[in-house]
Amino acid sequence: MPWAVTALFGLPDVDRKFDLEFAVGTQGLGVAGKRLEVMPVMRIPFTTSLRDPKTMPSYVPDKPWRARSGGFAVAPFIVIDEVACQWGSLAGLSAHRVVFWFFGYSEWARIKTYWLS
């Protein structure tokens, strides 16, 4: 039963938290005397080609972006998913992660990192 609860309620909750966690990014490098432009991070469809910056698809925007796979409930209160995001000029991540979810509370840790900046 807890496995089904995780699949039905945990997956959408983890997705909402991902959107909140990576909602804001910056544009530019923050050169002395210039301010960074804070902007929303747009969500794009997830594909495995996001794992490698050399094979990124053409629809990846120049502005901050985020993508997340659908995820799987692999055990009660445990979700495995894959994320890729770039929230700043020199800030980004692509990784498999394990998410511990418990009725609104969730924490994640990287299992395998493909790229990190």
C-alpha atoms as a PDB file:
ATOM      1  CA  MET A   1       0.000   0.000   0.000  1.00  0.00           C
ATOM      2  CA  PRO A   2       2.735   2.611   0.799  1.00  0.00           C
ATOM      3  CA  TRP A   3       4.258   1.868  -2.620  1.00  0.00           C
ATOM      4  CA  ALA A   4       0.981   2.796  -4.352  1.00  0.00           C
ATOM      5  CA  VAL A   5       0.677   5.944  -2.236  1.00  0.00           C
ATOM      6  CA  THR A   6       4.182   6.943  -3.298  1.00  0.00           C
ATOM      7  CA  ALA A   7       3.345   6.347  -6.961  1.00  0.00           C
ATOM      8  CA  LEU A   8      -0.008   8.180  -6.821  1.00  0.00           C
ATOM      9  CA  PHE A   9       0.841  11.113  -4.551  1.00  0.00           C
ATOM     10  CA  GLY A  10       4.626  11.182  -4.267  1.00  0.00           C
ATOM     11  CA  LEU A  11       5.496  11.486  -7.969  1.00  0.00           C
ATOM     12  CA  PRO A  12       3.389  14.636  -8.581  1.00  0.00           C
ATOM     13  CA  ASP A  13       4.585  16.121  -5.280  1.00  0.00           C
ATOM     14  CA  VAL A  14       8.255  15.536  -6.189  1.00  0.00           C
ATOM     15  CA  ASP A  15       7.590  17.127  -9.591  1.00  0.00           C
ATOM     16  CA  ARG A  16       6.055  20.230  -7.975  1.00  0.00           C
ATOM     17  CA  LYS A  17       9.009  20.558  -5.611  1.00  0.00           C
ATOM     18  CA  PHE A  18      11.445  20.271  -8.542  1.00  0.00           C
ATOM     19  CA  ASP A  19       9.624  23.143 -10.282  1.00  0.00           C
ATOM     20  CA  LEU A  20       9.812  25.263  -7.119  1.00  0.00           C
ATOM     21  CA  GLU A  21      13.446  24.440  -6.397  1.00  0.00           C
ATOM     22  CA  PHE A  22      14.648  25.438  -9.858  1.00  0.00           C
ATOM     23  CA  ALA A  23      12.136  28.252 -10.548  1.00  0.00           C
ATOM     24  CA  VAL A  24      14.533  31.213 -10.742  1.00  0.00           C
ATOM     25  CA  GLY A  25      17.809  31.627 -12.608  1.00  0.00           C
ATOM     26  CA  THR A  26      20.122  34.345 -13.839  1.00  0.00           C
ATOM     27  CA  GLN A  27      21.256  35.586 -17.206  1.00  0.00           C
ATOM     28  CA  GLY A  28      24.731  37.001 -17.738  1.00  0.00           C
ATOM     29  CA  LEU A  29      28.078  36.675 -15.973  1.00  0.00           C
ATOM     30  CA  GLY A  30      27.797  39.416 -13.358  1.00  0.00           C
ATOM     31  CA  VAL A  31      30.682  41.546 -14.589  1.00  0.00           C
ATOM     32  CA  ALA A  32      31.759  44.296 -12.173  1.00  0.00           C
ATOM     33  CA  GLY A  33      29.383  47.228 -12.431  1.00  0.00           C
ATOM     34  CA  LYS A  34      26.618  45.200 -14.126  1.00  0.00           C
ATOM     35  CA  ARG A  35      23.825  43.420 -12.316  1.00  0.00           C
ATOM     36  CA  LEU A  36      22.734  39.887 -13.093  1.00  0.00           C
ATOM     37  CA  GLU A  37      19.300  39.633 -14.655  1.00  0.00           C
ATOM     38  CA  VAL A  38      17.092  37.383 -12.503  1.00  0.00           C
ATOM     39  CA  MET A  39      14.541  35.522 -14.613  1.00  0.00           C
ATOM     40  CA  PRO A  40      12.192  32.532 -14.473  1.00  0.00           C
ATOM     41  CA  VAL A  41      13.614  29.153 -15.487  1.00  0.00           C
ATOM     42  CA  MET A  42      11.561  27.614 -18.293  1.00  0.00           C
ATOM     43  CA  ARG A  43      10.691  23.917 -18.305  1.00  0.00           C
ATOM     44  CA  ILE A  44      11.512  21.915 -21.418  1.00  0.00           C
ATOM     45  CA  PRO A  45      10.752  18.261 -22.293  1.00  0.00           C
ATOM     46  CA  PHE A  46      13.246  15.770 -20.898  1.00  0.00           C
ATOM     47  CA  THR A  47      15.326  13.571 -23.203  1.00  0.00           C
ATOM     48  CA  THR A  48      18.368  11.445 -22.454  1.00  0.00           C
ATOM     49  CA  SER A  49      20.418  13.595 -24.836  1.00  0.00           C
ATOM     50  CA  LEU A  50      20.426  16.270 -22.098  1.00  0.00           C
ATOM     51  CA  ARG A  51      23.016  14.143 -20.281  1.00  0.00           C
ATOM     52  CA  ASP A  52      25.851  15.379 -22.465  1.00  0.00           C
ATOM     53  CA  PRO A  53      26.269  19.069 -23.381  1.00  0.00           C
ATOM     54  CA  LYS A  54      27.719  18.000 -26.762  1.00  0.00           C
ATOM     55  CA  THR A  55      24.516  16.149 -27.763  1.00  0.00           C
ATOM     56  CA  MET A  56      21.917  18.571 -26.406  1.00  0.00           C
ATOM     57  CA  PRO A  57      18.920  18.945 -28.708  1.00  0.00           C
ATOM     58  CA  SER A  58      18.253  22.098 -30.688  1.00  0.00           C
ATOM     59  CA  TYR A  59      15.245  23.109 -28.535  1.00  0.00           C
ATOM     60  CA  VAL A  60      17.433  23.828 -25.480  1.00  0.00           C
ATOM     61  CA  PRO A  61      17.114  27.598 -25.014  1.00  0.00           C
ATOM     62  CA  ASP A  62      19.884  30.120 -24.355  1.00  0.00           C
ATOM     63  CA  LYS A  63      17.992  31.254 -21.238  1.00  0.00           C
ATOM     64  CA  PRO A  64      17.790  29.272 -17.964  1.00  0.00           C
ATOM     65  CA  TRP A  65      15.920  25.974 -18.353  1.00  0.00           C
ATOM     66  CA  ARG A  66      15.016  22.804 -16.443  1.00  0.00           C
ATOM     67  CA  ALA A  67      13.857  19.305 -17.388  1.00  0.00           C
ATOM     68  CA  ARG A  68      12.845  16.251 -15.358  1.00  0.00           C
ATOM     69  CA  SER A  69      12.007  12.682 -16.311  1.00  0.00           C
ATOM     70  CA  GLY A  70       8.714  11.269 -15.062  1.00  0.00           C
ATOM     71  CA  GLY A  71      10.355   9.318 -12.265  1.00  0.00           C
ATOM     72  CA  PHE A  72       9.541   5.922 -10.783  1.00  0.00           C
ATOM     73  CA  ALA A  73       8.391   4.893  -7.321  1.00  0.00           C
ATOM     74  CA  VAL A  74      10.896   2.090  -6.692  1.00  0.00           C
ATOM     75  CA  ALA A  75       9.996   1.441  -3.057  1.00  0.00           C
ATOM     76  CA  PRO A  76       7.688   2.934  -0.459  1.00  0.00           C
ATOM     77  CA  PHE A  77       8.593   6.632  -0.121  1.00  0.00           C
ATOM     78  CA  ILE A  78      11.509   6.349  -2.594  1.00  0.00           C
ATOM     79  CA  VAL A  79      11.449   7.916  -6.074  1.00  0.00           C
ATOM     80  CA  ILE A  80      14.163   7.649  -8.727  1.00  0.00           C
ATOM     81  CA  ASP A  81      14.273  10.251 -11.489  1.00  0.00           C
ATOM     82  CA  GLU A  82      16.625  12.093 -13.799  1.00  0.00           C
ATOM     83  CA  VAL A  83      17.005  15.872 -13.971  1.00  0.00           C
ATOM     84  CA  ALA A  84      18.861  18.367 -16.115  1.00  0.00           C
ATOM     85  CA  CYS A  85      18.858  22.108 -15.635  1.00  0.00           C
ATOM     86  CA  GLN A  86      20.851  25.224 -16.267  1.00  0.00           C
ATOM     87  CA  TRP A  87      19.844  28.074 -13.995  1.00  0.00           C
ATOM     88  CA  GLY A  88      22.761  30.410 -14.675  1.00  0.00           C
ATOM     89  CA  SER A  89      25.548  31.060 -17.157  1.00  0.00           C
ATOM     90  CA  LEU A  90      27.938  28.829 -15.220  1.00  0.00           C
ATOM     91  CA  ALA A  91      25.465  26.880 -13.069  1.00  0.00           C
ATOM     92  CA  GLY A  92      23.887  23.634 -14.207  1.00  0.00           C
ATOM     93  CA  LEU A  93      23.314  19.985 -13.393  1.00  0.00           C
ATOM     94  CA  SER A  94      22.417  16.731 -15.105  1.00  0.00           C
ATOM     95  CA  ALA A  95      22.026  13.725 -12.832  1.00  0.00           C
ATOM     96  CA  HIS A  96      20.132  10.631 -11.759  1.00  0.00           C
ATOM     97  CA  ARG A  97      18.809  11.180  -8.271  1.00  0.00           C
ATOM     98  CA  VAL A  98      17.052   9.347  -5.483  1.00  0.00           C
ATOM     99  CA  VAL A  99      14.288  11.243  -3.715  1.00  0.00           C
ATOM    100  CA  PHE A 100      12.984  10.385  -0.268  1.00  0.00           C
ATOM    101  CA  TRP A 101       9.336  11.514  -0.167  1.00  0.00           C
ATOM    102  CA  PHE A 102       7.039  11.469   2.844  1.00  0.00           C
ATOM    103  CA  PHE A 103       3.669  13.218   2.440  1.00  0.00           C
ATOM    104  CA  GLY A 104       4.867  16.636   1.299  1.00  0.00           C
ATOM    105  CA  TYR A 105       8.419  16.425   2.627  1.00  0.00           C
ATOM    106  CA  SER A 106      11.135  15.413   0.190  1.00  0.00           C
ATOM    107  CA  GLU A 107      14.914  15.435   0.034  1.00  0.00           C
ATOM    108  CA  TRP A 108      17.094  14.262  -2.822  1.00  0.00           C
ATOM    109  CA  ALA A 109      20.644  13.081  -3.417  1.00  0.00           C
ATOM    110  CA  ARG A 110      22.526  12.528  -6.657  1.00  0.00           C
ATOM    111  CA  ILE A 111      23.153   8.915  -7.624  1.00  0.00           C
ATOM    112  CA  LYS A 112      25.134   9.638 -10.787  1.00  0.00           C
ATOM    113  CA  THR A 113      26.184  13.033 -12.086  1.00  0.00           C
ATOM    114  CA  TYR A 114      26.574  13.501 -15.845  1.00  0.00           C
ATOM    115  CA  TRP A 115      27.634  17.143 -15.711  1.00  0.00           C
ATOM    116  CA  LEU A 116      27.785  19.819 -13.050  1.00  0.00           C
ATOM    117  CA  SER A 117      28.901  23.413 -13.344  1.00  0.00           C
END
